[in-house]
Amino acid sequence: KNLQLEAAAITHEKDRIIVNEYQQTNVAHIYAVGDVTNRVNLTPVAIDEGRAVADNVFAGIKRVVNHEIIATAVFTQPEFACVGLSEDEATNRFGIENIVIYKAKFRSLQQALPAAGPRCILKLVVAKTSNQILGCHMVGNHAAEIIQMAAIAVGMGATKADFDRTMALHPSISEEFVTMV
């Protein structure tokens, strides 16, 4: 309300300023990023949207923020983290027959000999025909750190074959993502 959007003739719906893929409002020289667009209200998203505006306006680089590959984490015990589509989202979008789910469980080396303690659970959601990684999910120690690195691969359009070609760091939790069958 305090932004006086009507005075600037900026289109909005209730608590959301409408922007295009380049963060541009209906007024060509006015941009909006972050919570005022009410899409994904996270600080790193707002920062990247702002950087994208700067790239587009000042550096002449046409860049669009991909809101579908935002890595997220829940810092609980155990941690949960993910990037990309969930199994349900992929099923709804592409159909169950067009996705493949890979899962793994892993017990860290420090817990291996007593065969006790928590296991990590990992999942990849993969497009059946293109083999592209659609989602990467993990519950367990260091999930946020591992998923942050997986987000690079998912953002680059990595395939299951790309993951499979990656040399595993043994023995580590993250190696499970590159050895799933």
C-alpha atoms as a PDB file:
ATOM      1  CA  LYS A   1       0.000   0.000   0.000  1.00  0.00           C
ATOM      2  CA  ASN A   2       2.782   2.412   0.875  1.00  0.00           C
ATOM      3  CA  LEU A   3       4.467   2.050  -2.511  1.00  0.00           C
ATOM      4  CA  GLN A   4       1.664   4.069  -4.184  1.00  0.00           C
ATOM      5  CA  LEU A   5       1.700   1.799  -7.217  1.00  0.00           C
ATOM      6  CA  GLU A   6      -1.405   3.448  -8.685  1.00  0.00           C
ATOM      7  CA  ALA A   7       0.441   6.776  -8.874  1.00  0.00           C
ATOM      8  CA  ALA A   8       3.098   5.121 -11.048  1.00  0.00           C
ATOM      9  CA  ALA A   9       0.445   3.120 -12.979  1.00  0.00           C
ATOM     10  CA  ILE A  10       2.115  -0.178 -12.034  1.00  0.00           C
ATOM     11  CA  THR A  11      -0.025  -3.269 -12.465  1.00  0.00           C
ATOM     12  CA  HIS A  12      -0.444  -5.361  -9.336  1.00  0.00           C
ATOM     13  CA  GLU A  13      -2.717  -7.961  -7.770  1.00  0.00           C
ATOM     14  CA  LYS A  14      -3.348  -7.535  -4.034  1.00  0.00           C
ATOM     15  CA  ASP A  15       0.116  -8.033  -2.476  1.00  0.00           C
ATOM     16  CA  ARG A  16       1.983  -8.805  -5.700  1.00  0.00           C
ATOM     17  CA  ILE A  17       3.606  -6.567  -8.312  1.00  0.00           C
ATOM     18  CA  ILE A  18       3.280  -8.208 -11.727  1.00  0.00           C
ATOM     19  CA  VAL A  19       6.592  -8.564 -13.593  1.00  0.00           C
ATOM     20  CA  ASN A  20       7.742 -10.314 -16.748  1.00  0.00           C
ATOM     21  CA  GLU A  21      10.591 -12.812 -16.986  1.00  0.00           C
ATOM     22  CA  TYR A  22      13.095  -9.922 -16.837  1.00  0.00           C
ATOM     23  CA  GLN A  23      11.590  -8.508 -13.595  1.00  0.00           C
ATOM     24  CA  GLN A  24      10.113  -5.616 -15.586  1.00  0.00           C
ATOM     25  CA  THR A  25       6.744  -4.170 -14.598  1.00  0.00           C
ATOM     26  CA  ASN A  26       4.201  -2.902 -17.111  1.00  0.00           C
ATOM     27  CA  VAL A  27       6.045   0.434 -16.891  1.00  0.00           C
ATOM     28  CA  ALA A  28       9.109  -0.259 -19.037  1.00  0.00           C
ATOM     29  CA  HIS A  29      11.675   1.559 -16.872  1.00  0.00           C
ATOM     30  CA  ILE A  30      10.456   0.180 -13.512  1.00  0.00           C
ATOM     31  CA  TYR A  31      11.577  -3.205 -12.220  1.00  0.00           C
ATOM     32  CA  ALA A  32      10.561  -5.186  -9.150  1.00  0.00           C
ATOM     33  CA  VAL A  33      12.418  -7.985  -7.386  1.00  0.00           C
ATOM     34  CA  GLY A  34      12.039 -10.049  -4.249  1.00  0.00           C
ATOM     35  CA  ASP A  35       9.077 -10.270  -1.926  1.00  0.00           C
ATOM     36  CA  VAL A  36       7.049  -7.545  -3.681  1.00  0.00           C
ATOM     37  CA  THR A  37       6.605  -9.932  -6.631  1.00  0.00           C
ATOM     38  CA  ASN A  38       5.408 -12.650  -4.202  1.00  0.00           C
ATOM     39  CA  ARG A  39       6.755 -15.558  -6.233  1.00  0.00           C
ATOM     40  CA  VAL A  40       9.520 -17.125  -4.153  1.00  0.00           C
ATOM     41  CA  ASN A  41      10.128 -15.069  -1.025  1.00  0.00           C
ATOM     42  CA  LEU A  42      13.706 -16.021  -0.176  1.00  0.00           C
ATOM     43  CA  THR A  43      16.670 -13.678   0.222  1.00  0.00           C
ATOM     44  CA  PRO A  44      18.937 -15.506  -2.283  1.00  0.00           C
ATOM     45  CA  VAL A  45      16.140 -15.359  -4.873  1.00  0.00           C
ATOM     46  CA  ALA A  46      15.729 -11.596  -4.397  1.00  0.00           C
ATOM     47  CA  ILE A  47      19.495 -11.129  -4.681  1.00  0.00           C
ATOM     48  CA  ASP A  48      19.653 -13.141  -7.909  1.00  0.00           C
ATOM     49  CA  GLU A  49      16.651 -11.308  -9.348  1.00  0.00           C
ATOM     50  CA  GLY A  50      18.407  -8.009  -8.590  1.00  0.00           C
ATOM     51  CA  ARG A  51      21.602  -9.255 -10.183  1.00  0.00           C
ATOM     52  CA  ALA A  52      19.630 -10.350 -13.251  1.00  0.00           C
ATOM     53  CA  VAL A  53      18.105  -6.861 -13.558  1.00  0.00           C
ATOM     54  CA  ALA A  54      21.584  -5.327 -13.336  1.00  0.00           C
ATOM     55  CA  ASP A  55      22.852  -7.768 -15.985  1.00  0.00           C
ATOM     56  CA  ASN A  56      19.937  -6.977 -18.292  1.00  0.00           C
ATOM     57  CA  VAL A  57      19.854  -3.201 -17.830  1.00  0.00           C
ATOM     58  CA  PHE A  58      23.505  -2.279 -17.346  1.00  0.00           C
ATOM     59  CA  ALA A  59      25.615  -5.098 -18.774  1.00  0.00           C
ATOM     60  CA  GLY A  60      23.510  -5.916 -21.831  1.00  0.00           C
ATOM     61  CA  ILE A  61      23.320  -9.575 -20.791  1.00  0.00           C
ATOM     62  CA  LYS A  62      19.880 -11.107 -21.277  1.00  0.00           C
ATOM     63  CA  ARG A  63      19.425 -13.267 -18.191  1.00  0.00           C
ATOM     64  CA  VAL A  64      16.293 -14.809 -16.734  1.00  0.00           C
ATOM     65  CA  VAL A  65      16.091 -16.218 -13.191  1.00  0.00           C
ATOM     66  CA  ASN A  66      14.952 -19.835 -13.224  1.00  0.00           C
ATOM     67  CA  HIS A  67      12.576 -20.128 -10.274  1.00  0.00           C
ATOM     68  CA  GLU A  68      12.283 -23.903 -10.723  1.00  0.00           C
ATOM     69  CA  ILE A  69      15.818 -24.734  -9.618  1.00  0.00           C
ATOM     70  CA  ILE A  70      16.041 -23.011  -6.275  1.00  0.00           C
ATOM     71  CA  ALA A  71      17.945 -25.085  -3.753  1.00  0.00           C
ATOM     72  CA  THR A  72      16.205 -25.177  -0.389  1.00  0.00           C
ATOM     73  CA  ALA A  73      17.014 -26.720   2.968  1.00  0.00           C
ATOM     74  CA  VAL A  74      15.435 -27.358   6.316  1.00  0.00           C
ATOM     75  CA  PHE A  75      18.068 -27.173   9.034  1.00  0.00           C
ATOM     76  CA  THR A  76      16.726 -29.833  11.354  1.00  0.00           C
ATOM     77  CA  GLN A  77      18.243 -33.049  12.636  1.00  0.00           C
ATOM     78  CA  PRO A  78      18.537 -34.643  10.148  1.00  0.00           C
ATOM     79  CA  GLU A  79      18.819 -31.935   7.510  1.00  0.00           C
ATOM     80  CA  PHE A  80      16.576 -32.018   4.467  1.00  0.00           C
ATOM     81  CA  ALA A  81      17.528 -30.309   1.203  1.00  0.00           C
ATOM     82  CA  CYS A  82      16.369 -30.375  -2.394  1.00  0.00           C
ATOM     83  CA  VAL A  83      16.645 -28.676  -5.746  1.00  0.00           C
ATOM     84  CA  GLY A  84      14.356 -28.968  -8.746  1.00  0.00           C
ATOM     85  CA  LEU A  85      11.121 -30.892  -9.028  1.00  0.00           C
ATOM     86  CA  SER A  86       9.759 -33.288  -6.448  1.00  0.00           C
ATOM     87  CA  GLU A  87       8.579 -36.718  -7.543  1.00  0.00           C
ATOM     88  CA  ASP A  88       4.956 -35.528  -7.305  1.00  0.00           C
ATOM     89  CA  GLU A  89       5.636 -32.342  -9.300  1.00  0.00           C
ATOM     90  CA  ALA A  90       7.447 -34.290 -12.016  1.00  0.00           C
ATOM     91  CA  THR A  91       4.651 -36.871 -12.150  1.00  0.00           C
ATOM     92  CA  ASN A  92       1.999 -34.157 -12.450  1.00  0.00           C
ATOM     93  CA  ARG A  93       3.936 -32.312 -15.144  1.00  0.00           C
ATOM     94  CA  PHE A  94       5.267 -35.191 -17.252  1.00  0.00           C
ATOM     95  CA  GLY A  95       3.298 -38.282 -16.184  1.00  0.00           C
ATOM     96  CA  ILE A  96       4.580 -41.179 -14.100  1.00  0.00           C
ATOM     97  CA  GLU A  97       5.507 -43.103 -17.260  1.00  0.00           C
ATOM     98  CA  ASN A  98       7.901 -40.330 -18.305  1.00  0.00           C
ATOM     99  CA  ILE A  99      10.066 -40.128 -15.200  1.00  0.00           C
ATOM    100  CA  VAL A 100      12.488 -42.480 -13.475  1.00  0.00           C
ATOM    101  CA  ILE A 101      13.170 -42.345  -9.741  1.00  0.00           C
ATOM    102  CA  TYR A 102      16.534 -43.392  -8.316  1.00  0.00           C
ATOM    103  CA  LYS A 103      16.917 -43.868  -4.570  1.00  0.00           C
ATOM    104  CA  ALA A 104      19.764 -44.732  -2.247  1.00  0.00           C
ATOM    105  CA  LYS A 105      20.355 -45.096   1.487  1.00  0.00           C
ATOM    106  CA  PHE A 106      23.761 -44.582   3.005  1.00  0.00           C
ATOM    107  CA  ARG A 107      25.207 -44.892   6.465  1.00  0.00           C
ATOM    108  CA  SER A 108      28.237 -42.705   7.028  1.00  0.00           C
ATOM    109  CA  LEU A 109      31.575 -44.425   7.574  1.00  0.00           C
ATOM    110  CA  GLN A 110      31.661 -43.471  11.254  1.00  0.00           C
ATOM    111  CA  GLN A 111      28.404 -45.406  11.698  1.00  0.00           C
ATOM    112  CA  ALA A 112      29.299 -48.341   9.424  1.00  0.00           C
ATOM    113  CA  LEU A 113      31.129 -50.628  11.861  1.00  0.00           C
ATOM    114  CA  PRO A 114      28.604 -50.436  14.665  1.00  0.00           C
ATOM    115  CA  ALA A 115      25.898 -50.610  11.932  1.00  0.00           C
ATOM    116  CA  ALA A 116      23.894 -48.177  13.990  1.00  0.00           C
ATOM    117  CA  GLY A 117      22.804 -44.592  13.738  1.00  0.00           C
ATOM    118  CA  PRO A 118      20.945 -42.678  11.083  1.00  0.00           C
ATOM    119  CA  ARG A 119      21.144 -43.316   7.387  1.00  0.00           C
ATOM    120  CA  CYS A 120      21.016 -40.695   4.692  1.00  0.00           C
ATOM    121  CA  ILE A 121      18.278 -40.994   2.113  1.00  0.00           C
ATOM    122  CA  LEU A 122      18.905 -39.686  -1.400  1.00  0.00           C
ATOM    123  CA  LYS A 123      16.672 -39.414  -4.463  1.00  0.00           C
ATOM    124  CA  LEU A 124      17.056 -38.338  -8.076  1.00  0.00           C
ATOM    125  CA  VAL A 125      14.061 -37.509 -10.256  1.00  0.00           C
ATOM    126  CA  VAL A 126      14.995 -38.048 -13.903  1.00  0.00           C
ATOM    127  CA  ALA A 127      13.182 -37.432 -17.209  1.00  0.00           C
ATOM    128  CA  LYS A 128      12.880 -40.788 -18.949  1.00  0.00           C
ATOM    129  CA  THR A 129      13.546 -39.760 -22.556  1.00  0.00           C
ATOM    130  CA  SER A 130      16.068 -36.932 -22.124  1.00  0.00           C
ATOM    131  CA  ASN A 131      17.738 -38.468 -19.024  1.00  0.00           C
ATOM    132  CA  GLN A 132      17.879 -34.920 -17.544  1.00  0.00           C
ATOM    133  CA  ILE A 133      17.960 -34.591 -13.764  1.00  0.00           C
ATOM    134  CA  LEU A 134      14.688 -32.875 -12.825  1.00  0.00           C
ATOM    135  CA  GLY A 135      15.146 -33.016  -9.060  1.00  0.00           C
ATOM    136  CA  CYS A 136      17.699 -33.939  -6.441  1.00  0.00           C
ATOM    137  CA  HIS A 137      16.672 -34.607  -2.825  1.00  0.00           C
ATOM    138  CA  MET A 138      18.465 -35.620   0.346  1.00  0.00           C
ATOM    139  CA  VAL A 139      17.762 -36.203   4.028  1.00  0.00           C
ATOM    140  CA  GLY A 140      20.820 -36.573   6.250  1.00  0.00           C
ATOM    141  CA  ASN A 141      24.042 -35.015   7.439  1.00  0.00           C
ATOM    142  CA  HIS A 142      25.342 -32.177   5.277  1.00  0.00           C
ATOM    143  CA  ALA A 143      22.288 -32.292   2.989  1.00  0.00           C
ATOM    144  CA  ALA A 144      22.286 -28.520   2.439  1.00  0.00           C
ATOM    145  CA  GLU A 145      25.955 -28.403   1.429  1.00  0.00           C
ATOM    146  CA  ILE A 146      25.631 -31.380  -0.913  1.00  0.00           C
ATOM    147  CA  ILE A 147      22.446 -30.118  -2.563  1.00  0.00           C
ATOM    148  CA  GLN A 148      24.022 -26.689  -3.115  1.00  0.00           C
ATOM    149  CA  MET A 149      26.651 -28.372  -5.275  1.00  0.00           C
ATOM    150  CA  ALA A 150      24.026 -30.546  -6.994  1.00  0.00           C
ATOM    151  CA  ALA A 151      22.125 -27.332  -7.815  1.00  0.00           C
ATOM    152  CA  ILE A 152      24.963 -26.339 -10.133  1.00  0.00           C
ATOM    153  CA  ALA A 153      24.561 -29.543 -12.100  1.00  0.00           C
ATOM    154  CA  VAL A 154      20.758 -29.354 -12.173  1.00  0.00           C
ATOM    155  CA  GLY A 155      20.941 -25.702 -13.272  1.00  0.00           C
ATOM    156  CA  MET A 156      23.252 -26.678 -16.124  1.00  0.00           C
ATOM    157  CA  GLY A 157      20.803 -29.333 -17.326  1.00  0.00           C
ATOM    158  CA  ALA A 158      22.905 -32.307 -16.220  1.00  0.00           C
ATOM    159  CA  THR A 159      21.728 -35.782 -17.121  1.00  0.00           C
ATOM    160  CA  LYS A 160      21.855 -39.034 -15.198  1.00  0.00           C
ATOM    161  CA  ALA A 161      24.697 -40.016 -17.556  1.00  0.00           C
ATOM    162  CA  ASP A 162      26.612 -36.893 -16.454  1.00  0.00           C
ATOM    163  CA  PHE A 163      26.185 -37.943 -12.823  1.00  0.00           C
ATOM    164  CA  ASP A 164      27.212 -41.510 -13.686  1.00  0.00           C
ATOM    165  CA  ARG A 165      30.420 -40.289 -15.393  1.00  0.00           C
ATOM    166  CA  THR A 166      31.404 -38.316 -12.296  1.00  0.00           C
ATOM    167  CA  MET A 167      34.177 -39.972 -10.320  1.00  0.00           C
ATOM    168  CA  ALA A 168      32.895 -40.804  -6.852  1.00  0.00           C
ATOM    169  CA  LEU A 169      34.654 -39.444  -3.786  1.00  0.00           C
ATOM    170  CA  HIS A 170      34.827 -42.535  -1.585  1.00  0.00           C
ATOM    171  CA  PRO A 171      33.646 -42.998   1.101  1.00  0.00           C
ATOM    172  CA  SER A 172      31.287 -40.035   1.157  1.00  0.00           C
ATOM    173  CA  ILE A 173      27.590 -39.375   1.286  1.00  0.00           C
ATOM    174  CA  SER A 174      27.684 -37.382  -1.944  1.00  0.00           C
ATOM    175  CA  GLU A 175      29.132 -40.324  -3.872  1.00  0.00           C
ATOM    176  CA  GLU A 176      25.708 -41.941  -3.642  1.00  0.00           C
ATOM    177  CA  PHE A 177      24.345 -39.397  -6.121  1.00  0.00           C
ATOM    178  CA  VAL A 178      26.865 -40.492  -8.766  1.00  0.00           C
ATOM    179  CA  THR A 179      26.588 -44.254  -8.197  1.00  0.00           C
ATOM    180  CA  MET A 180      22.797 -44.789  -8.173  1.00  0.00           C
ATOM    181  CA  VAL A 181      21.487 -47.561 -10.378  1.00  0.00           C
END
